[in-house]
Amino acid sequence: MTGVEALQALRDGKKVTTPNMKDDYYAYLIEFEEDGRTHREIAWVGTWEDEPFNPYLWCNGDPFHADYFLRDDWELVE
């Protein structure tokens, strides 16, 4: 799927990945509260994790770069 389709899938609550991250990580939109405000961030989550739980612990702290959505090799994670 395209990067735009992947972004919409994330907004719809789905998990997505790319071929080079497929076996290790998936992208997911995490919502969390901080200082009384709700935040939404896209995070790489390890495939070995039961669920996303802390936005500061994903992928050794590496940020999710928006330029990933310029690629059109996204896949849904079942």
PDB file of N, CA and C in Angstrom:
ATOM      1  N   MET A   1       0.842  -1.170   0.000  1.00  0.00           N
ATOM      2  CA  MET A   1       0.000   0.000   0.000  1.00  0.00           C
ATOM      3  C   MET A   1       0.888   1.235   0.000  1.00  0.00           C
ATOM      4  N   THR A   2       0.305   2.345  -0.365  1.00  0.00           N
ATOM      5  CA  THR A   2       1.059   3.596  -0.410  1.00  0.00           C
ATOM      6  C   THR A   2       1.269   4.136   1.002  1.00  0.00           C
ATOM      7  N   GLY A   3       2.149   5.094   1.130  1.00  0.00           N
ATOM      8  CA  GLY A   3       2.378   5.738   2.413  1.00  0.00           C
ATOM      9  C   GLY A   3       1.144   6.441   2.937  1.00  0.00           C
ATOM     10  N   VAL A   4       0.384   7.062   2.052  1.00  0.00           N
ATOM     11  CA  VAL A   4      -0.847   7.747   2.457  1.00  0.00           C
ATOM     12  C   VAL A   4      -1.868   6.724   2.968  1.00  0.00           C
ATOM     13  N   GLU A   5      -1.976   5.593   2.296  1.00  0.00           N
ATOM     14  CA  GLU A   5      -2.886   4.534   2.747  1.00  0.00           C
ATOM     15  C   GLU A   5      -2.444   3.976   4.100  1.00  0.00           C
ATOM     16  N   ALA A   6      -1.137   3.844   4.293  1.00  0.00           N
ATOM     17  CA  ALA A   6      -0.610   3.359   5.571  1.00  0.00           C
ATOM     18  C   ALA A   6      -0.925   4.344   6.690  1.00  0.00           C
ATOM     19  N   LEU A   7      -0.786   5.617   6.420  1.00  0.00           N
ATOM     20  CA  LEU A   7      -1.103   6.633   7.422  1.00  0.00           C
ATOM     21  C   LEU A   7      -2.580   6.573   7.793  1.00  0.00           C
ATOM     22  N   GLN A   8      -3.445   6.413   6.813  1.00  0.00           N
ATOM     23  CA  GLN A   8      -4.878   6.288   7.108  1.00  0.00           C
ATOM     24  C   GLN A   8      -5.163   5.023   7.900  1.00  0.00           C
ATOM     25  N   ALA A   9      -4.478   3.930   7.576  1.00  0.00           N
ATOM     26  CA  ALA A   9      -4.661   2.687   8.328  1.00  0.00           C
ATOM     27  C   ALA A   9      -4.272   2.885   9.792  1.00  0.00           C
ATOM     28  N   LEU A  10      -3.188   3.614  10.036  1.00  0.00           N
ATOM     29  CA  LEU A  10      -2.796   3.916  11.416  1.00  0.00           C
ATOM     30  C   LEU A  10      -3.874   4.724  12.116  1.00  0.00           C
ATOM     31  N   ARG A  11      -4.415   5.703  11.437  1.00  0.00           N
ATOM     32  CA  ARG A  11      -5.484   6.529  12.024  1.00  0.00           C
ATOM     33  C   ARG A  11      -6.719   5.690  12.324  1.00  0.00           C
ATOM     34  N   ASP A  12      -6.913   4.616  11.558  1.00  0.00           N
ATOM     35  CA  ASP A  12      -8.049   3.713  11.766  1.00  0.00           C
ATOM     36  C   ASP A  12      -7.767   2.648  12.828  1.00  0.00           C
ATOM     37  N   GLY A  13      -6.587   2.720  13.471  1.00  0.00           N
ATOM     38  CA  GLY A  13      -6.266   1.785  14.548  1.00  0.00           C
ATOM     39  C   GLY A  13      -5.579   0.506  14.117  1.00  0.00           C
ATOM     40  N   LYS A  14      -5.124   0.451  12.880  1.00  0.00           N
ATOM     41  CA  LYS A  14      -4.453  -0.746  12.386  1.00  0.00           C
ATOM     42  C   LYS A  14      -2.942  -0.647  12.596  1.00  0.00           C
ATOM     43  N   LYS A  15      -2.274  -1.784  12.479  1.00  0.00           N
ATOM     44  CA  LYS A  15      -0.815  -1.864  12.550  1.00  0.00           C
ATOM     45  C   LYS A  15      -0.295  -2.023  11.131  1.00  0.00           C
ATOM     46  N   VAL A  16       0.810  -1.366  10.814  1.00  0.00           N
ATOM     47  CA  VAL A  16       1.414  -1.475   9.482  1.00  0.00           C
ATOM     48  C   VAL A  16       2.915  -1.685   9.615  1.00  0.00           C
ATOM     49  N   THR A  17       3.503  -2.215   8.571  1.00  0.00           N
ATOM     50  CA  THR A  17       4.942  -2.425   8.563  1.00  0.00           C
ATOM     51  C   THR A  17       5.459  -2.344   7.128  1.00  0.00           C
ATOM     52  N   THR A  18       6.762  -2.373   6.991  1.00  0.00           N
ATOM     53  CA  THR A  18       7.408  -2.400   5.683  1.00  0.00           C
ATOM     54  C   THR A  18       8.188  -3.706   5.558  1.00  0.00           C
ATOM     55  N   PRO A  19       8.551  -4.112   4.353  1.00  0.00           N
ATOM     56  CA  PRO A  19       9.255  -5.380   4.183  1.00  0.00           C
ATOM     57  C   PRO A  19      10.545  -5.487   5.010  1.00  0.00           C
ATOM     58  N   ASN A  20      11.286  -4.401   5.156  1.00  0.00           N
ATOM     59  CA  ASN A  20      12.549  -4.498   5.897  1.00  0.00           C
ATOM     60  C   ASN A  20      12.355  -4.458   7.417  1.00  0.00           C
ATOM     61  N   MET A  21      11.160  -4.107   7.910  1.00  0.00           N
ATOM     62  CA  MET A  21      10.883  -4.098   9.343  1.00  0.00           C
ATOM     63  C   MET A  21       9.958  -5.236   9.758  1.00  0.00           C
ATOM     64  N   LYS A  22       9.417  -5.950   8.784  1.00  0.00           N
ATOM     65  CA  LYS A  22       8.347  -6.925   8.973  1.00  0.00           C
ATOM     66  C   LYS A  22       8.582  -7.934  10.097  1.00  0.00           C
ATOM     67  N   ASP A  23       9.752  -8.476  10.198  1.00  0.00           N
ATOM     68  CA  ASP A  23      10.012  -9.520  11.191  1.00  0.00           C
ATOM     69  C   ASP A  23      10.312  -8.974  12.583  1.00  0.00           C
ATOM     70  N   ASP A  24      10.583  -7.679  12.689  1.00  0.00           N
ATOM     71  CA  ASP A  24      11.013  -7.131  13.968  1.00  0.00           C
ATOM     72  C   ASP A  24      10.086  -6.078  14.569  1.00  0.00           C
ATOM     73  N   TYR A  25       9.521  -5.217  13.739  1.00  0.00           N
ATOM     74  CA  TYR A  25       8.729  -4.095  14.253  1.00  0.00           C
ATOM     75  C   TYR A  25       7.511  -3.830  13.377  1.00  0.00           C
ATOM     76  N   TYR A  26       6.501  -3.219  13.987  1.00  0.00           N
ATOM     77  CA  TYR A  26       5.373  -2.689  13.240  1.00  0.00           C
ATOM     78  C   TYR A  26       5.105  -1.281  13.748  1.00  0.00           C
ATOM     79  N   ALA A  27       4.511  -0.473  12.914  1.00  0.00           N
ATOM     80  CA  ALA A  27       4.155   0.893  13.300  1.00  0.00           C
ATOM     81  C   ALA A  27       2.742   0.885  13.857  1.00  0.00           C
ATOM     82  N   TYR A  28       2.520   1.708  14.880  1.00  0.00           N
ATOM     83  CA  TYR A  28       1.225   1.765  15.537  1.00  0.00           C
ATOM     84  C   TYR A  28       1.036   3.165  16.105  1.00  0.00           C
ATOM     85  N   LEU A  29      -0.190   3.637  16.102  1.00  0.00           N
ATOM     86  CA  LEU A  29      -0.497   4.944  16.667  1.00  0.00           C
ATOM     87  C   LEU A  29      -0.802   4.760  18.153  1.00  0.00           C
ATOM     88  N   ILE A  30       0.050   5.321  19.002  1.00  0.00           N
ATOM     89  CA  ILE A  30      -0.095   5.195  20.452  1.00  0.00           C
ATOM     90  C   ILE A  30      -0.692   6.479  20.998  1.00  0.00           C
ATOM     91  N   GLU A  31      -1.709   6.329  21.825  1.00  0.00           N
ATOM     92  CA  GLU A  31      -2.300   7.471  22.517  1.00  0.00           C
ATOM     93  C   GLU A  31      -1.940   7.361  23.994  1.00  0.00           C
ATOM     94  N   PHE A  32      -1.523   8.480  24.580  1.00  0.00           N
ATOM     95  CA  PHE A  32      -1.173   8.467  25.999  1.00  0.00           C
ATOM     96  C   PHE A  32      -1.437   9.834  26.605  1.00  0.00           C
ATOM     97  N   GLU A  33      -1.564   9.851  27.911  1.00  0.00           N
ATOM     98  CA  GLU A  33      -1.801  11.084  28.657  1.00  0.00           C
ATOM     99  C   GLU A  33      -0.477  11.557  29.260  1.00  0.00           C
ATOM    100  N   GLU A  34      -0.247  12.855  29.164  1.00  0.00           N
ATOM    101  CA  GLU A  34       0.935  13.449  29.788  1.00  0.00           C
ATOM    102  C   GLU A  34       0.594  14.886  30.140  1.00  0.00           C
ATOM    103  N   ASP A  35       0.817  15.255  31.383  1.00  0.00           N
ATOM    104  CA  ASP A  35       0.512  16.598  31.856  1.00  0.00           C
ATOM    105  C   ASP A  35      -0.942  16.981  31.587  1.00  0.00           C
ATOM    106  N   GLY A  36      -1.838  16.003  31.741  1.00  0.00           N
ATOM    107  CA  GLY A  36      -3.259  16.265  31.568  1.00  0.00           C
ATOM    108  C   GLY A  36      -3.723  16.420  30.129  1.00  0.00           C
ATOM    109  N   ARG A  37      -2.850  16.134  29.184  1.00  0.00           N
ATOM    110  CA  ARG A  37      -3.205  16.254  27.766  1.00  0.00           C
ATOM    111  C   ARG A  37      -3.044  14.910  27.075  1.00  0.00           C
ATOM    112  N   THR A  38      -3.896  14.662  26.102  1.00  0.00           N
ATOM    113  CA  THR A  38      -3.796  13.442  25.306  1.00  0.00           C
ATOM    114  C   THR A  38      -2.842  13.686  24.146  1.00  0.00           C
ATOM    115  N   HIS A  39      -1.921  12.761  23.961  1.00  0.00           N
ATOM    116  CA  HIS A  39      -0.947  12.839  22.863  1.00  0.00           C
ATOM    117  C   HIS A  39      -1.115  11.608  21.984  1.00  0.00           C
ATOM    118  N   ARG A  40      -0.874  11.771  20.705  1.00  0.00           N
ATOM    119  CA  ARG A  40      -0.888  10.670  19.745  1.00  0.00           C
ATOM    120  C   ARG A  40       0.426  10.682  18.995  1.00  0.00           C
ATOM    121  N   GLU A  41       1.116   9.544  19.009  1.00  0.00           N
ATOM    122  CA  GLU A  41       2.396   9.419  18.318  1.00  0.00           C
ATOM    123  C   GLU A  41       2.456   8.091  17.585  1.00  0.00           C
ATOM    124  N   ILE A  42       3.106   8.108  16.444  1.00  0.00           N
ATOM    125  CA  ILE A  42       3.377   6.871  15.726  1.00  0.00           C
ATOM    126  C   ILE A  42       4.667   6.309  16.295  1.00  0.00           C
ATOM    127  N   ALA A  43       4.644   5.018  16.621  1.00  0.00           N
ATOM    128  CA  ALA A  43       5.817   4.384  17.214  1.00  0.00           C
ATOM    129  C   ALA A  43       6.098   3.053  16.526  1.00  0.00           C
ATOM    130  N   TRP A  44       7.377   2.694  16.488  1.00  0.00           N
ATOM    131  CA  TRP A  44       7.756   1.349  16.082  1.00  0.00           C
ATOM    132  C   TRP A  44       7.631   0.486  17.326  1.00  0.00           C
ATOM    133  N   VAL A  45       6.885  -0.597  17.241  1.00  0.00           N
ATOM    134  CA  VAL A  45       6.674  -1.502  18.365  1.00  0.00           C
ATOM    135  C   VAL A  45       7.271  -2.850  18.002  1.00  0.00           C
ATOM    136  N   GLY A  46       8.012  -3.446  18.915  1.00  0.00           N
ATOM    137  CA  GLY A  46       8.618  -4.750  18.665  1.00  0.00           C
ATOM    138  C   GLY A  46       7.562  -5.828  18.511  1.00  0.00           C
ATOM    139  N   THR A  47       7.764  -6.728  17.557  1.00  0.00           N
ATOM    140  CA  THR A  47       6.794  -7.795  17.311  1.00  0.00           C
ATOM    141  C   THR A  47       6.709  -8.757  18.496  1.00  0.00           C
ATOM    142  N   TRP A  48       7.693  -8.765  19.366  1.00  0.00           N
ATOM    143  CA  TRP A  48       7.698  -9.642  20.527  1.00  0.00           C
ATOM    144  C   TRP A  48       6.881  -9.060  21.689  1.00  0.00           C
ATOM    145  N   GLU A  49       6.499  -7.790  21.608  1.00  0.00           N
ATOM    146  CA  GLU A  49       5.721  -7.150  22.671  1.00  0.00           C
ATOM    147  C   GLU A  49       4.261  -7.569  22.577  1.00  0.00           C
ATOM    148  N   ASP A  50       3.616  -7.750  23.728  1.00  0.00           N
ATOM    149  CA  ASP A  50       2.194  -8.088  23.742  1.00  0.00           C
ATOM    150  C   ASP A  50       1.345  -6.957  23.192  1.00  0.00           C
ATOM    151  N   GLU A  51       1.725  -5.721  23.519  1.00  0.00           N
ATOM    152  CA  GLU A  51       1.002  -4.544  23.052  1.00  0.00           C
ATOM    153  C   GLU A  51       1.870  -3.314  23.282  1.00  0.00           C
ATOM    154  N   PRO A  52       1.601  -2.237  22.575  1.00  0.00           N
ATOM    155  CA  PRO A  52       2.324  -0.992  22.830  1.00  0.00           C
ATOM    156  C   PRO A  52       1.959  -0.485  24.223  1.00  0.00           C
ATOM    157  N   PHE A  53       2.950  -0.100  25.012  1.00  0.00           N
ATOM    158  CA  PHE A  53       2.633   0.315  26.369  1.00  0.00           C
ATOM    159  C   PHE A  53       3.307   1.605  26.788  1.00  0.00           C
ATOM    160  N   ASN A  54       4.461   1.925  26.286  1.00  0.00           N
ATOM    161  CA  ASN A  54       5.166   3.132  26.698  1.00  0.00           C
ATOM    162  C   ASN A  54       5.830   3.754  25.471  1.00  0.00           C
ATOM    163  N   PRO A  55       5.420   4.930  25.073  1.00  0.00           N
ATOM    164  CA  PRO A  55       5.958   5.522  23.845  1.00  0.00           C
ATOM    165  C   PRO A  55       7.445   5.854  23.917  1.00  0.00           C
ATOM    166  N   TYR A  56       8.032   5.837  25.095  1.00  0.00           N
ATOM    167  CA  TYR A  56       9.448   6.162  25.216  1.00  0.00           C
ATOM    168  C   TYR A  56      10.345   4.933  25.164  1.00  0.00           C
ATOM    169  N   LEU A  57       9.767   3.745  25.078  1.00  0.00           N
ATOM    170  CA  LEU A  57      10.571   2.530  25.094  1.00  0.00           C
ATOM    171  C   LEU A  57      10.636   1.805  23.753  1.00  0.00           C
ATOM    172  N   TRP A  58      10.044   2.348  22.699  1.00  0.00           N
ATOM    173  CA  TRP A  58      10.032   1.653  21.424  1.00  0.00           C
ATOM    174  C   TRP A  58      11.329   1.836  20.662  1.00  0.00           C
ATOM    175  N   CYS A  59      11.756   0.800  20.022  1.00  0.00           N
ATOM    176  CA  CYS A  59      12.879   0.833  19.073  1.00  0.00           C
ATOM    177  C   CYS A  59      14.089   1.571  19.644  1.00  0.00           C
ATOM    178  N   ASN A  60      14.415   1.316  20.885  1.00  0.00           N
ATOM    179  CA  ASN A  60      15.564   1.934  21.544  1.00  0.00           C
ATOM    180  C   ASN A  60      15.522   3.458  21.494  1.00  0.00           C
ATOM    181  N   GLY A  61      14.337   4.025  21.454  1.00  0.00           N
ATOM    182  CA  GLY A  61      14.191   5.476  21.467  1.00  0.00           C
ATOM    183  C   GLY A  61      14.318   6.135  20.105  1.00  0.00           C
ATOM    184  N   ASP A  62      14.495   5.343  19.035  1.00  0.00           N
ATOM    185  CA  ASP A  62      14.619   5.929  17.704  1.00  0.00           C
ATOM    186  C   ASP A  62      13.276   6.504  17.276  1.00  0.00           C
ATOM    187  N   PRO A  63      13.252   7.711  16.765  1.00  0.00           N
ATOM    188  CA  PRO A  63      11.978   8.315  16.364  1.00  0.00           C
ATOM    189  C   PRO A  63      11.436   7.692  15.081  1.00  0.00           C
ATOM    190  N   PHE A  64      10.151   7.830  14.900  1.00  0.00           N
ATOM    191  CA  PHE A  64       9.507   7.426  13.665  1.00  0.00           C
ATOM    192  C   PHE A  64       9.561   8.634  12.747  1.00  0.00           C
ATOM    193  N   HIS A  65      10.212   8.510  11.616  1.00  0.00           N
ATOM    194  CA  HIS A  65      10.387   9.630  10.701  1.00  0.00           C
ATOM    195  C   HIS A  65       9.233   9.709   9.701  1.00  0.00           C
ATOM    196  N   ALA A  66       8.706  10.882   9.501  1.00  0.00           N
ATOM    197  CA  ALA A  66       7.577  11.079   8.579  1.00  0.00           C
ATOM    198  C   ALA A  66       7.947  10.709   7.147  1.00  0.00           C
ATOM    199  N   ASP A  67       9.220  10.780   6.794  1.00  0.00           N
ATOM    200  CA  ASP A  67       9.601  10.453   5.419  1.00  0.00           C
ATOM    201  C   ASP A  67       9.408   8.975   5.089  1.00  0.00           C
ATOM    202  N   TYR A  68       9.160   8.131   6.090  1.00  0.00           N
ATOM    203  CA  TYR A  68       8.831   6.731   5.807  1.00  0.00           C
ATOM    204  C   TYR A  68       7.574   6.641   4.944  1.00  0.00           C
ATOM    205  N   PHE A  69       6.678   7.619   5.075  1.00  0.00           N
ATOM    206  CA  PHE A  69       5.432   7.594   4.313  1.00  0.00           C
ATOM    207  C   PHE A  69       5.623   7.982   2.849  1.00  0.00           C
ATOM    208  N   LEU A  70       6.830   8.349   2.455  1.00  0.00           N
ATOM    209  CA  LEU A  70       7.112   8.615   1.046  1.00  0.00           C
ATOM    210  C   LEU A  70       7.304   7.314   0.274  1.00  0.00           C
ATOM    211  N   ARG A  71       7.486   6.218   0.991  1.00  0.00           N
ATOM    212  CA  ARG A  71       7.627   4.907   0.355  1.00  0.00           C
ATOM    213  C   ARG A  71       6.254   4.288   0.148  1.00  0.00           C
ATOM    214  N   ASP A  72       6.149   3.454  -0.850  1.00  0.00           N
ATOM    215  CA  ASP A  72       4.877   2.800  -1.153  1.00  0.00           C
ATOM    216  C   ASP A  72       4.978   1.281  -1.017  1.00  0.00           C
ATOM    217  N   ASP A  73       5.670   0.820   0.029  1.00  0.00           N
ATOM    218  CA  ASP A  73       5.833  -0.622   0.230  1.00  0.00           C
ATOM    219  C   ASP A  73       5.260  -1.081   1.574  1.00  0.00           C
ATOM    220  N   TRP A  74       4.211  -0.417   2.030  1.00  0.00           N
ATOM    221  CA  TRP A  74       3.598  -0.717   3.317  1.00  0.00           C
ATOM    222  C   TRP A  74       2.680  -1.936   3.238  1.00  0.00           C
ATOM    223  N   GLU A  75       2.552  -2.631   4.366  1.00  0.00           N
ATOM    224  CA  GLU A  75       1.673  -3.795   4.476  1.00  0.00           C
ATOM    225  C   GLU A  75       0.915  -3.719   5.796  1.00  0.00           C
ATOM    226  N   LEU A  76      -0.298  -4.227   5.815  1.00  0.00           N
ATOM    227  CA  LEU A  76      -1.050  -4.352   7.061  1.00  0.00           C
ATOM    228  C   LEU A  76      -0.505  -5.527   7.863  1.00  0.00           C
ATOM    229  N   VAL A  77      -0.499  -5.389   9.181  1.00  0.00           N
ATOM    230  CA  VAL A  77      -0.119  -6.475  10.076  1.00  0.00           C
ATOM    231  C   VAL A  77      -1.400  -7.066  10.625  1.00  0.00           C
ATOM    232  N   GLU A  78      -1.552  -8.374  10.490  1.00  0.00           N
ATOM    233  CA  GLU A  78      -2.774  -9.039  10.979  1.00  0.00           C
ATOM    234  C   GLU A  78      -2.654  -9.353  12.440  1.00  0.00           C
TER     235      GLU A  78
END
